[in-house]
């Protein structure tokens, strides 16, 4: 089982290595936003430039990471469906949905 602290660390590592390798110091994790689901954790994050300026164009497009309990790789949450629905679909084995659903 992945703890909340482990989830925040894994999410930060993924973001800094794969999404923002050119500016890893811009990533600001928001551990207070972490929510545990059966499938794993969701953890929010922001970018320093957005926090400092309030400029929405400097905000991350998808500010939510998913860290599965099974140890598989952290990944960005999809923008649709809502995070709780996505996590439930993952837990039930129904993600990705079958064609036509």
N, C-alpha and C. Protein backbone atom coordinates (compact mmCIF):
# COMPACT_ATOMS: atom_id res chain seq x y z
N UNK A 1 0.84 -1.19 0.00
CA UNK A 1 0.00 0.00 0.00
C UNK A 1 0.88 1.25 0.00
N UNK A 2 0.50 2.20 -0.76
CA UNK A 2 1.21 3.47 -0.86
C UNK A 2 0.63 4.43 0.18
N UNK A 3 1.49 5.04 0.97
CA UNK A 3 1.03 6.03 1.94
C UNK A 3 0.83 7.38 1.25
N UNK A 4 0.19 8.28 1.95
CA UNK A 4 -0.01 9.63 1.41
C UNK A 4 1.33 10.28 1.10
N UNK A 5 2.27 10.19 2.04
CA UNK A 5 3.59 10.80 1.81
C UNK A 5 4.29 10.18 0.61
N UNK A 6 4.19 8.85 0.48
CA UNK A 6 4.79 8.17 -0.67
C UNK A 6 4.15 8.65 -1.98
N UNK A 7 2.83 8.84 -1.94
CA UNK A 7 2.12 9.29 -3.15
C UNK A 7 2.57 10.68 -3.57
N UNK A 8 2.73 11.57 -2.61
CA UNK A 8 3.17 12.93 -2.92
C UNK A 8 4.58 12.90 -3.52
N UNK A 9 5.46 12.09 -2.94
CA UNK A 9 6.83 11.98 -3.44
C UNK A 9 6.85 11.39 -4.85
N UNK A 10 6.06 10.33 -5.08
CA UNK A 10 6.02 9.70 -6.40
C UNK A 10 5.45 10.64 -7.45
N UNK A 11 4.41 11.37 -7.09
CA UNK A 11 3.81 12.32 -8.03
C UNK A 11 4.80 13.43 -8.39
N UNK A 12 5.49 13.95 -7.39
CA UNK A 12 6.47 15.01 -7.64
C UNK A 12 7.60 14.51 -8.54
N UNK A 13 8.08 13.31 -8.27
CA UNK A 13 9.17 12.74 -9.08
C UNK A 13 8.74 12.59 -10.53
N UNK A 14 7.52 12.09 -10.76
CA UNK A 14 7.01 11.92 -12.12
C UNK A 14 6.93 13.28 -12.84
N UNK A 15 6.34 14.25 -12.17
CA UNK A 15 6.17 15.57 -12.79
C UNK A 15 7.51 16.20 -13.15
N UNK A 16 8.45 16.12 -12.22
CA UNK A 16 9.76 16.76 -12.44
C UNK A 16 10.57 16.07 -13.52
N UNK A 17 10.40 14.76 -13.65
CA UNK A 17 11.18 14.01 -14.63
C UNK A 17 10.52 13.98 -16.01
N UNK A 18 9.20 13.82 -16.05
CA UNK A 18 8.52 13.57 -17.33
C UNK A 18 7.71 14.74 -17.89
N UNK A 19 7.14 15.56 -17.04
CA UNK A 19 6.26 16.63 -17.52
C UNK A 19 6.97 17.98 -17.54
N UNK A 20 7.75 18.26 -16.51
CA UNK A 20 8.44 19.55 -16.42
C UNK A 20 9.95 19.37 -16.23
N UNK A 21 10.61 18.58 -17.07
CA UNK A 21 12.05 18.36 -16.88
C UNK A 21 12.88 19.63 -17.08
N UNK A 22 12.34 20.58 -17.83
CA UNK A 22 13.06 21.83 -18.09
C UNK A 22 12.91 22.83 -16.95
N UNK A 23 11.97 22.57 -16.04
CA UNK A 23 11.77 23.48 -14.91
C UNK A 23 11.22 22.74 -13.68
N UNK A 24 11.97 21.77 -13.18
CA UNK A 24 11.48 20.98 -12.05
C UNK A 24 11.23 21.80 -10.79
N UNK A 25 11.94 22.90 -10.62
CA UNK A 25 11.74 23.73 -9.43
C UNK A 25 10.42 24.49 -9.46
N UNK A 26 9.73 24.49 -10.58
CA UNK A 26 8.43 25.15 -10.69
C UNK A 26 7.30 24.33 -10.08
N UNK A 27 7.51 23.03 -9.93
CA UNK A 27 6.46 22.14 -9.43
C UNK A 27 6.26 22.35 -7.93
N UNK A 28 5.02 22.62 -7.54
CA UNK A 28 4.65 22.79 -6.14
C UNK A 28 3.58 21.75 -5.82
N UNK A 29 3.94 20.78 -5.01
CA UNK A 29 2.97 19.76 -4.63
C UNK A 29 2.01 20.32 -3.58
N UNK A 30 0.77 19.85 -3.62
CA UNK A 30 -0.26 20.28 -2.68
C UNK A 30 -0.74 19.07 -1.89
N UNK A 31 0.05 18.61 -0.91
CA UNK A 31 -0.28 17.38 -0.19
C UNK A 31 -1.62 17.43 0.53
N UNK A 32 -2.07 18.64 0.88
CA UNK A 32 -3.36 18.75 1.57
C UNK A 32 -4.53 18.39 0.66
N UNK A 33 -4.28 18.30 -0.65
CA UNK A 33 -5.34 17.93 -1.60
C UNK A 33 -5.40 16.42 -1.84
N UNK A 34 -4.46 15.67 -1.27
CA UNK A 34 -4.40 14.23 -1.52
C UNK A 34 -5.67 13.53 -1.02
N UNK A 35 -6.20 12.66 -1.86
CA UNK A 35 -7.40 11.88 -1.51
C UNK A 35 -7.10 10.42 -1.82
N UNK A 36 -7.41 9.56 -0.86
CA UNK A 36 -7.19 8.13 -1.07
C UNK A 36 -8.45 7.47 -1.59
N UNK A 37 -8.27 6.64 -2.60
CA UNK A 37 -9.33 5.83 -3.19
C UNK A 37 -8.88 4.37 -3.15
N UNK A 38 -9.77 3.46 -3.47
CA UNK A 38 -9.41 2.05 -3.53
C UNK A 38 -8.26 1.81 -4.49
N UNK A 39 -8.28 2.47 -5.63
CA UNK A 39 -7.26 2.30 -6.67
C UNK A 39 -5.92 2.93 -6.30
N UNK A 40 -5.96 4.03 -5.58
CA UNK A 40 -4.73 4.74 -5.25
C UNK A 40 -5.03 6.14 -4.74
N UNK A 41 -4.06 7.00 -4.87
CA UNK A 41 -4.17 8.38 -4.41
C UNK A 41 -4.29 9.35 -5.59
N UNK A 42 -5.03 10.42 -5.38
CA UNK A 42 -4.93 11.57 -6.26
C UNK A 42 -4.21 12.66 -5.45
N UNK A 43 -3.34 13.38 -6.13
CA UNK A 43 -2.57 14.45 -5.48
C UNK A 43 -2.54 15.66 -6.40
N UNK A 44 -2.94 16.79 -5.89
CA UNK A 44 -2.93 18.01 -6.67
C UNK A 44 -1.56 18.68 -6.67
N UNK A 45 -1.35 19.48 -7.68
CA UNK A 45 -0.12 20.26 -7.76
C UNK A 45 -0.40 21.55 -8.50
N UNK A 46 0.54 22.46 -8.40
CA UNK A 46 0.46 23.73 -9.12
C UNK A 46 1.87 24.08 -9.58
N UNK A 47 1.98 25.18 -10.25
CA UNK A 47 3.29 25.67 -10.70
C UNK A 47 3.59 26.99 -10.00
N UNK A 48 4.82 27.14 -9.60
CA UNK A 48 5.27 28.33 -8.87
C UNK A 48 4.86 29.61 -9.58
N UNK A 49 5.01 29.64 -10.90
CA UNK A 49 4.69 30.84 -11.67
C UNK A 49 3.20 31.20 -11.56
N UNK A 50 2.35 30.20 -11.52
CA UNK A 50 0.91 30.44 -11.36
C UNK A 50 0.61 30.96 -9.97
N UNK A 51 1.20 30.34 -8.97
CA UNK A 51 0.97 30.77 -7.58
C UNK A 51 1.43 32.21 -7.38
N UNK A 52 2.59 32.53 -7.91
CA UNK A 52 3.17 33.87 -7.70
C UNK A 52 2.44 34.97 -8.46
N UNK A 53 1.90 34.67 -9.63
CA UNK A 53 1.28 35.71 -10.45
C UNK A 53 -0.24 35.67 -10.49
N UNK A 54 -0.82 34.49 -10.24
CA UNK A 54 -2.25 34.34 -10.39
C UNK A 54 -2.70 34.26 -11.84
N UNK A 55 -1.76 34.26 -12.75
CA UNK A 55 -2.04 34.22 -14.18
C UNK A 55 -2.46 32.80 -14.58
N UNK A 56 -3.72 32.65 -14.97
CA UNK A 56 -4.23 31.32 -15.30
C UNK A 56 -3.49 30.67 -16.46
N UNK A 57 -2.84 31.45 -17.30
CA UNK A 57 -2.09 30.86 -18.42
C UNK A 57 -0.82 30.17 -17.94
N UNK A 58 -0.47 30.36 -16.69
CA UNK A 58 0.72 29.72 -16.13
C UNK A 58 0.35 28.53 -15.25
N UNK A 59 -0.93 28.21 -15.18
CA UNK A 59 -1.41 27.07 -14.39
C UNK A 59 -1.26 25.78 -15.19
N UNK A 60 -1.09 24.65 -14.51
CA UNK A 60 -1.05 23.38 -15.24
C UNK A 60 -2.41 23.09 -15.87
N UNK A 61 -2.39 22.47 -17.06
CA UNK A 61 -3.63 22.12 -17.75
C UNK A 61 -4.40 21.07 -16.95
N UNK A 62 -3.71 20.08 -16.46
CA UNK A 62 -4.32 19.02 -15.67
C UNK A 62 -3.57 18.95 -14.34
N UNK A 63 -4.08 19.61 -13.30
CA UNK A 63 -3.34 19.74 -12.05
C UNK A 63 -3.53 18.60 -11.05
N UNK A 64 -3.77 17.39 -11.54
CA UNK A 64 -4.03 16.27 -10.65
C UNK A 64 -3.25 15.05 -11.09
N UNK A 65 -2.52 14.47 -10.15
CA UNK A 65 -1.75 13.25 -10.40
C UNK A 65 -2.45 12.06 -9.76
N UNK A 66 -2.23 10.88 -10.34
CA UNK A 66 -2.75 9.63 -9.79
C UNK A 66 -1.55 8.76 -9.45
N UNK A 67 -1.56 8.21 -8.24
CA UNK A 67 -0.51 7.29 -7.81
C UNK A 67 -1.20 6.00 -7.37
N UNK A 68 -1.16 4.95 -8.22
CA UNK A 68 -1.84 3.69 -7.90
C UNK A 68 -1.24 2.97 -6.69
N UNK A 69 -2.08 2.30 -5.93
CA UNK A 69 -1.63 1.51 -4.79
C UNK A 69 -0.80 0.31 -5.20
N UNK A 70 -0.98 -0.19 -6.42
CA UNK A 70 -0.29 -1.42 -6.83
C UNK A 70 1.17 -1.20 -7.23
N UNK A 71 1.64 0.03 -7.11
CA UNK A 71 3.03 0.30 -7.44
C UNK A 71 3.28 0.63 -8.90
N UNK A 72 2.24 0.60 -9.73
CA UNK A 72 2.43 0.98 -11.13
C UNK A 72 2.70 2.49 -11.20
N UNK A 73 3.15 2.94 -12.34
CA UNK A 73 3.63 4.31 -12.49
C UNK A 73 2.57 5.36 -12.19
N UNK A 74 3.02 6.43 -11.57
CA UNK A 74 2.17 7.60 -11.38
C UNK A 74 1.84 8.17 -12.76
N UNK A 75 0.71 8.82 -12.86
CA UNK A 75 0.32 9.41 -14.14
C UNK A 75 -0.64 10.57 -13.91
N UNK A 76 -0.76 11.41 -14.93
CA UNK A 76 -1.71 12.51 -14.86
C UNK A 76 -3.13 11.96 -14.91
N UNK A 77 -4.00 12.54 -14.11
CA UNK A 77 -5.41 12.16 -14.15
C UNK A 77 -6.01 12.71 -15.44
N UNK A 78 -6.93 12.00 -16.04
CA UNK A 78 -7.59 12.55 -17.23
C UNK A 78 -8.46 13.75 -16.83
N UNK A 79 -8.74 14.61 -17.78
CA UNK A 79 -9.60 15.75 -17.49
C UNK A 79 -11.08 15.35 -17.51
N UNK A 80 -11.36 14.17 -18.04
CA UNK A 80 -12.72 13.61 -18.04
C UNK A 80 -12.59 12.10 -18.03
N UNK A 81 -13.31 11.40 -17.22
CA UNK A 81 -14.36 11.82 -16.29
C UNK A 81 -13.78 12.46 -15.03
N UNK A 82 -14.67 12.87 -14.14
CA UNK A 82 -14.23 13.44 -12.86
C UNK A 82 -13.33 12.45 -12.14
N UNK A 83 -12.44 12.96 -11.31
CA UNK A 83 -11.43 12.11 -10.69
C UNK A 83 -12.02 10.95 -9.89
N UNK A 84 -13.07 11.18 -9.13
CA UNK A 84 -13.66 10.10 -8.34
C UNK A 84 -14.21 9.00 -9.25
N UNK A 85 -14.83 9.38 -10.34
CA UNK A 85 -15.35 8.39 -11.29
C UNK A 85 -14.21 7.63 -11.96
N UNK A 86 -13.17 8.34 -12.37
CA UNK A 86 -12.01 7.69 -12.98
C UNK A 86 -11.39 6.68 -12.02
N UNK A 87 -11.23 7.07 -10.77
CA UNK A 87 -10.62 6.17 -9.79
C UNK A 87 -11.50 4.94 -9.54
N UNK A 88 -12.82 5.13 -9.53
CA UNK A 88 -13.74 4.00 -9.37
C UNK A 88 -13.67 3.07 -10.58
N UNK A 89 -13.61 3.63 -11.77
CA UNK A 89 -13.49 2.82 -12.99
C UNK A 89 -12.18 2.03 -12.99
N UNK A 90 -11.10 2.66 -12.57
CA UNK A 90 -9.82 1.95 -12.47
C UNK A 90 -9.92 0.80 -11.48
N UNK A 91 -10.50 1.07 -10.31
CA UNK A 91 -10.61 0.04 -9.27
C UNK A 91 -11.46 -1.14 -9.72
N UNK A 92 -12.47 -0.88 -10.53
CA UNK A 92 -13.37 -1.94 -10.99
C UNK A 92 -12.85 -2.66 -12.23
N UNK A 93 -11.75 -2.17 -12.80
CA UNK A 93 -11.21 -2.78 -14.01
C UNK A 93 -11.92 -2.33 -15.28
N UNK A 94 -12.73 -1.30 -15.18
CA UNK A 94 -13.49 -0.82 -16.34
C UNK A 94 -12.87 0.39 -17.01
N UNK A 95 -11.58 0.59 -16.82
CA UNK A 95 -10.86 1.68 -17.50
C UNK A 95 -9.71 1.09 -18.26
N UNK A 96 -9.52 1.42 -19.51
CA UNK A 96 -10.35 2.33 -20.30
C UNK A 96 -11.67 1.67 -20.65
N UNK A 97 -12.71 2.48 -20.85
CA UNK A 97 -14.02 1.92 -21.18
C UNK A 97 -13.98 1.22 -22.54
N UNK A 98 -14.80 0.21 -22.65
CA UNK A 98 -14.90 -0.50 -23.93
C UNK A 98 -15.50 0.43 -24.97
N UNK A 99 -15.14 0.21 -26.22
CA UNK A 99 -15.64 1.06 -27.30
C UNK A 99 -17.17 1.04 -27.28
N UNK A 100 -17.75 2.22 -27.39
CA UNK A 100 -19.20 2.35 -27.42
C UNK A 100 -19.82 2.59 -26.05
N UNK A 101 -19.03 2.59 -25.00
CA UNK A 101 -19.58 2.83 -23.66
C UNK A 101 -19.48 4.28 -23.29
